[in-house]
């Protein structure tokens, strides 16, 4: 077996350089953080890592997020149409507004392409049924075609 003698000064200098490197890493992490350095709003013991999109409450872990939702009744969904003052309006708010408009446009475009909406509201048979019902003083109203009950309806009017 062989042993190597290392001078004590080399060990100390290595430890000092490791401590300096860890300090630099912590400073780098702190500069990359997006959430301010504040404590968890639920447990108050650790540094907050997350922020609730709905109420902007800070939390440190998934357990604290779940507890926050349970205690406060917050659903965690951001109100997309909430008023934002001009002093708080920034690029991210503008981007969120743009995304809301895109989603609305996409939804409206999808509605115009829907086959159920393009079909006629009432058929000839339904019109005859409503006309005969009016003759005998019955008010007849039809459900919209998109409703399940309307699709399942098998009412037939025989004119004889």
C-alpha atoms as a PDB file:
ATOM      1  CA  UNK A   1       0.000   0.000   0.000  1.00  0.00           C
ATOM      2  CA  UNK A   2       1.186   3.408  -0.736  1.00  0.00           C
ATOM      3  CA  UNK A   3       0.158   6.625   0.887  1.00  0.00           C
ATOM      4  CA  UNK A   4       0.449  10.145  -0.361  1.00  0.00           C
ATOM      5  CA  UNK A   5       1.138  13.023   1.934  1.00  0.00           C
ATOM      6  CA  UNK A   6      -0.685  16.199   1.026  1.00  0.00           C
ATOM      7  CA  UNK A   7       0.335  19.436   2.650  1.00  0.00           C
ATOM      8  CA  UNK A   8      -2.328  21.020   4.872  1.00  0.00           C
ATOM      9  CA  UNK A   9      -2.180  24.330   2.987  1.00  0.00           C
ATOM     10  CA  UNK A  10      -3.417  22.680  -0.219  1.00  0.00           C
ATOM     11  CA  UNK A  11      -6.475  21.206   1.539  1.00  0.00           C
ATOM     12  CA  UNK A  12      -7.401  24.547   3.079  1.00  0.00           C
ATOM     13  CA  UNK A  13      -7.072  26.395  -0.207  1.00  0.00           C
ATOM     14  CA  UNK A  14      -9.275  23.788  -1.925  1.00  0.00           C
ATOM     15  CA  UNK A  15     -11.980  24.193   0.747  1.00  0.00           C
ATOM     16  CA  UNK A  16     -11.832  27.980   0.484  1.00  0.00           C
ATOM     17  CA  UNK A  17     -12.265  27.837  -3.275  1.00  0.00           C
ATOM     18  CA  UNK A  18     -15.275  25.500  -2.864  1.00  0.00           C
ATOM     19  CA  UNK A  19     -16.898  27.938  -0.420  1.00  0.00           C
ATOM     20  CA  UNK A  20     -16.283  30.819  -2.826  1.00  0.00           C
ATOM     21  CA  UNK A  21     -17.785  28.816  -5.711  1.00  0.00           C
ATOM     22  CA  UNK A  22     -20.916  27.988  -3.683  1.00  0.00           C
ATOM     23  CA  UNK A  23     -21.322  31.693  -2.808  1.00  0.00           C
ATOM     24  CA  UNK A  24     -21.088  32.590  -6.497  1.00  0.00           C
ATOM     25  CA  UNK A  25     -23.671  29.922  -7.374  1.00  0.00           C
ATOM     26  CA  UNK A  26     -26.089  31.278  -4.753  1.00  0.00           C
ATOM     27  CA  UNK A  27     -25.686  34.802  -6.140  1.00  0.00           C
ATOM     28  CA  UNK A  28     -26.297  33.498  -9.663  1.00  0.00           C
ATOM     29  CA  UNK A  29     -29.462  31.678  -8.507  1.00  0.00           C
ATOM     30  CA  UNK A  30     -30.672  34.810  -6.757  1.00  0.00           C
ATOM     31  CA  UNK A  31     -30.237  36.868  -9.909  1.00  0.00           C
ATOM     32  CA  UNK A  32     -32.228  34.339 -11.971  1.00  0.00           C
ATOM     33  CA  UNK A  33     -35.215  34.267  -9.599  1.00  0.00           C
ATOM     34  CA  UNK A  34     -38.496  35.592 -10.899  1.00  0.00           C
ATOM     35  CA  UNK A  35     -40.323  35.684  -7.555  1.00  0.00           C
ATOM     36  CA  UNK A  36     -39.175  38.149  -4.956  1.00  0.00           C
ATOM     37  CA  UNK A  37     -37.517  36.817  -1.835  1.00  0.00           C
ATOM     38  CA  UNK A  38     -40.492  36.433   0.466  1.00  0.00           C
ATOM     39  CA  UNK A  39     -41.706  33.765   2.814  1.00  0.00           C
ATOM     40  CA  UNK A  40     -44.409  31.239   2.062  1.00  0.00           C
ATOM     41  CA  UNK A  41     -47.836  32.731   2.737  1.00  0.00           C
ATOM     42  CA  UNK A  42     -49.179  29.406   4.036  1.00  0.00           C
ATOM     43  CA  UNK A  43     -46.515  27.923   6.301  1.00  0.00           C
ATOM     44  CA  UNK A  44     -44.267  30.991   6.615  1.00  0.00           C
ATOM     45  CA  UNK A  45     -41.183  28.867   7.205  1.00  0.00           C
ATOM     46  CA  UNK A  46     -39.563  28.571   3.782  1.00  0.00           C
ATOM     47  CA  UNK A  47     -38.813  30.867   0.880  1.00  0.00           C
ATOM     48  CA  UNK A  48     -41.644  31.121  -1.661  1.00  0.00           C
ATOM     49  CA  UNK A  49     -41.102  29.419  -5.018  1.00  0.00           C
ATOM     50  CA  UNK A  50     -44.579  29.704  -6.502  1.00  0.00           C
ATOM     51  CA  UNK A  51     -47.279  32.363  -6.827  1.00  0.00           C
ATOM     52  CA  UNK A  52     -50.997  31.721  -7.269  1.00  0.00           C
ATOM     53  CA  UNK A  53     -52.191  33.125 -10.629  1.00  0.00           C
ATOM     54  CA  UNK A  54     -55.579  34.091  -9.196  1.00  0.00           C
ATOM     55  CA  UNK A  55     -54.774  35.841  -5.905  1.00  0.00           C
ATOM     56  CA  UNK A  56     -50.962  36.206  -6.182  1.00  0.00           C
ATOM     57  CA  UNK A  57     -50.380  34.427  -2.829  1.00  0.00           C
ATOM     58  CA  UNK A  58     -46.868  33.029  -2.392  1.00  0.00           C
ATOM     59  CA  UNK A  59     -46.210  29.371  -1.524  1.00  0.00           C
ATOM     60  CA  UNK A  60     -43.196  27.104  -1.176  1.00  0.00           C
ATOM     61  CA  UNK A  61     -44.428  23.616  -2.114  1.00  0.00           C
ATOM     62  CA  UNK A  62     -47.265  21.625  -3.629  1.00  0.00           C
ATOM     63  CA  UNK A  63     -48.624  20.865  -0.155  1.00  0.00           C
ATOM     64  CA  UNK A  64     -48.796  24.578   0.642  1.00  0.00           C
ATOM     65  CA  UNK A  65     -50.477  25.290  -2.718  1.00  0.00           C
ATOM     66  CA  UNK A  66     -53.150  22.674  -1.985  1.00  0.00           C
ATOM     67  CA  UNK A  67     -53.624  23.979   1.555  1.00  0.00           C
ATOM     68  CA  UNK A  68     -53.947  27.552   0.228  1.00  0.00           C
ATOM     69  CA  UNK A  69     -56.654  26.467  -2.224  1.00  0.00           C
ATOM     70  CA  UNK A  70     -58.494  24.541   0.490  1.00  0.00           C
ATOM     71  CA  UNK A  71     -58.301  27.289   3.138  1.00  0.00           C
ATOM     72  CA  UNK A  72     -59.067  30.302   0.971  1.00  0.00           C
ATOM     73  CA  UNK A  73     -61.407  28.681  -1.564  1.00  0.00           C
ATOM     74  CA  UNK A  74     -59.196  29.999  -4.362  1.00  0.00           C
ATOM     75  CA  UNK A  75     -59.421  27.990  -7.582  1.00  0.00           C
ATOM     76  CA  UNK A  76     -55.996  29.082  -8.861  1.00  0.00           C
ATOM     77  CA  UNK A  77     -57.302  30.238 -12.242  1.00  0.00           C
ATOM     78  CA  UNK A  78     -56.339  33.759 -13.272  1.00  0.00           C
ATOM     79  CA  UNK A  79     -59.189  36.125 -14.157  1.00  0.00           C
ATOM     80  CA  UNK A  80     -58.337  36.895 -17.765  1.00  0.00           C
ATOM     81  CA  UNK A  81     -60.637  39.883 -18.000  1.00  0.00           C
ATOM     82  CA  UNK A  82     -59.648  41.603 -14.732  1.00  0.00           C
ATOM     83  CA  UNK A  83     -58.927  45.332 -14.832  1.00  0.00           C
ATOM     84  CA  UNK A  84     -55.235  46.275 -14.762  1.00  0.00           C
ATOM     85  CA  UNK A  85     -54.217  49.826 -13.959  1.00  0.00           C
ATOM     86  CA  UNK A  86     -51.945  51.616 -16.390  1.00  0.00           C
ATOM     87  CA  UNK A  87     -49.135  51.719 -13.827  1.00  0.00           C
ATOM     88  CA  UNK A  88     -49.208  47.888 -13.559  1.00  0.00           C
ATOM     89  CA  UNK A  89     -49.611  47.304 -17.295  1.00  0.00           C
ATOM     90  CA  UNK A  90     -46.498  45.672 -18.751  1.00  0.00           C
ATOM     91  CA  UNK A  91     -45.456  43.458 -21.673  1.00  0.00           C
ATOM     92  CA  UNK A  92     -46.727  40.299 -19.974  1.00  0.00           C
ATOM     93  CA  UNK A  93     -50.189  41.834 -19.492  1.00  0.00           C
ATOM     94  CA  UNK A  94     -50.228  42.866 -23.144  1.00  0.00           C
ATOM     95  CA  UNK A  95     -49.260  39.327 -24.168  1.00  0.00           C
ATOM     96  CA  UNK A  96     -52.020  37.856 -21.962  1.00  0.00           C
ATOM     97  CA  UNK A  97     -54.567  40.199 -23.573  1.00  0.00           C
ATOM     98  CA  UNK A  98     -53.375  39.212 -27.043  1.00  0.00           C
ATOM     99  CA  UNK A  99     -53.704  35.517 -26.157  1.00  0.00           C
ATOM    100  CA  UNK A 100     -57.231  36.100 -24.863  1.00  0.00           C
ATOM    101  CA  UNK A 101     -58.208  37.747 -28.156  1.00  0.00           C
ATOM    102  CA  UNK A 102     -56.624  34.894 -30.136  1.00  0.00           C
ATOM    103  CA  UNK A 103     -58.514  32.282 -28.072  1.00  0.00           C
ATOM    104  CA  UNK A 104     -61.776  34.174 -28.554  1.00  0.00           C
ATOM    105  CA  UNK A 105     -61.207  34.359 -32.310  1.00  0.00           C
ATOM    106  CA  UNK A 106     -60.339  30.672 -32.447  1.00  0.00           C
ATOM    107  CA  UNK A 107     -63.498  29.797 -30.510  1.00  0.00           C
ATOM    108  CA  UNK A 108     -65.686  31.938 -32.786  1.00  0.00           C
ATOM    109  CA  UNK A 109     -64.097  30.412 -35.890  1.00  0.00           C
ATOM    110  CA  UNK A 110     -64.703  26.913 -34.530  1.00  0.00           C
ATOM    111  CA  UNK A 111     -68.355  27.765 -33.945  1.00  0.00           C
ATOM    112  CA  UNK A 112     -68.849  28.814 -37.563  1.00  0.00           C
ATOM    113  CA  UNK A 113     -67.377  25.510 -38.734  1.00  0.00           C
ATOM    114  CA  UNK A 114     -69.565  23.369 -36.455  1.00  0.00           C
ATOM    115  CA  UNK A 115     -71.900  21.119 -38.469  1.00  0.00           C
ATOM    116  CA  UNK A 116     -74.683  21.286 -35.865  1.00  0.00           C
ATOM    117  CA  UNK A 117     -74.872  25.059 -36.025  1.00  0.00           C
ATOM    118  CA  UNK A 118     -74.916  25.104 -39.831  1.00  0.00           C
ATOM    119  CA  UNK A 119     -77.919  22.763 -40.036  1.00  0.00           C
ATOM    120  CA  UNK A 120     -81.296  24.467 -40.366  1.00  0.00           C
ATOM    121  CA  UNK A 121     -83.011  25.315 -37.096  1.00  0.00           C
ATOM    122  CA  UNK A 122     -86.294  23.709 -38.019  1.00  0.00           C
ATOM    123  CA  UNK A 123     -87.342  21.177 -40.599  1.00  0.00           C
ATOM    124  CA  UNK A 124     -90.519  21.126 -42.660  1.00  0.00           C
ATOM    125  CA  UNK A 125     -91.996  18.455 -40.379  1.00  0.00           C
ATOM    126  CA  UNK A 126     -91.298  20.595 -37.310  1.00  0.00           C
ATOM    127  CA  UNK A 127     -92.945  23.619 -38.953  1.00  0.00           C
ATOM    128  CA  UNK A 128     -96.078  21.571 -39.771  1.00  0.00           C
ATOM    129  CA  UNK A 129     -96.215  20.272 -36.213  1.00  0.00           C
ATOM    130  CA  UNK A 130     -95.961  23.807 -34.780  1.00  0.00           C
ATOM    131  CA  UNK A 131     -98.634  25.124 -37.211  1.00  0.00           C
ATOM    132  CA  UNK A 132    -101.135  22.388 -36.259  1.00  0.00           C
ATOM    133  CA  UNK A 133    -100.382  22.912 -32.586  1.00  0.00           C
ATOM    134  CA  UNK A 134    -101.143  26.639 -32.966  1.00  0.00           C
ATOM    135  CA  UNK A 135    -104.487  25.779 -34.553  1.00  0.00           C
ATOM    136  CA  UNK A 136    -105.569  23.913 -31.434  1.00  0.00           C
ATOM    137  CA  UNK A 137    -104.207  26.708 -29.177  1.00  0.00           C
ATOM    138  CA  UNK A 138    -101.028  24.914 -28.030  1.00  0.00           C
ATOM    139  CA  UNK A 139     -97.777  26.798 -27.677  1.00  0.00           C
ATOM    140  CA  UNK A 140     -95.010  24.545 -28.918  1.00  0.00           C
ATOM    141  CA  UNK A 141     -91.362  25.378 -28.390  1.00  0.00           C
ATOM    142  CA  UNK A 142     -88.373  23.484 -29.711  1.00  0.00           C
ATOM    143  CA  UNK A 143     -85.014  22.994 -28.050  1.00  0.00           C
ATOM    144  CA  UNK A 144     -81.938  24.158 -29.944  1.00  0.00           C
ATOM    145  CA  UNK A 145     -80.489  21.536 -32.256  1.00  0.00           C
ATOM    146  CA  UNK A 146     -77.262  21.322 -30.216  1.00  0.00           C
ATOM    147  CA  UNK A 147     -79.111  19.978 -27.141  1.00  0.00           C
ATOM    148  CA  UNK A 148     -79.004  16.231 -26.540  1.00  0.00           C
ATOM    149  CA  UNK A 149     -82.756  16.012 -25.923  1.00  0.00           C
ATOM    150  CA  UNK A 150     -83.364  17.671 -29.273  1.00  0.00           C
ATOM    151  CA  UNK A 151     -81.183  15.089 -31.014  1.00  0.00           C
ATOM    152  CA  UNK A 152     -82.961  12.221 -29.257  1.00  0.00           C
ATOM    153  CA  UNK A 153     -86.438  13.603 -29.962  1.00  0.00           C
ATOM    154  CA  UNK A 154     -88.413  11.227 -32.159  1.00  0.00           C
ATOM    155  CA  UNK A 155     -91.734  13.092 -32.239  1.00  0.00           C
ATOM    156  CA  UNK A 156     -93.642  12.514 -35.466  1.00  0.00           C
ATOM    157  CA  UNK A 157     -96.739  14.378 -36.633  1.00  0.00           C
ATOM    158  CA  UNK A 158     -99.148  12.436 -38.835  1.00  0.00           C
ATOM    159  CA  UNK A 159    -101.434  14.787 -40.761  1.00  0.00           C
ATOM    160  CA  UNK A 160    -104.211  12.180 -41.228  1.00  0.00           C
END
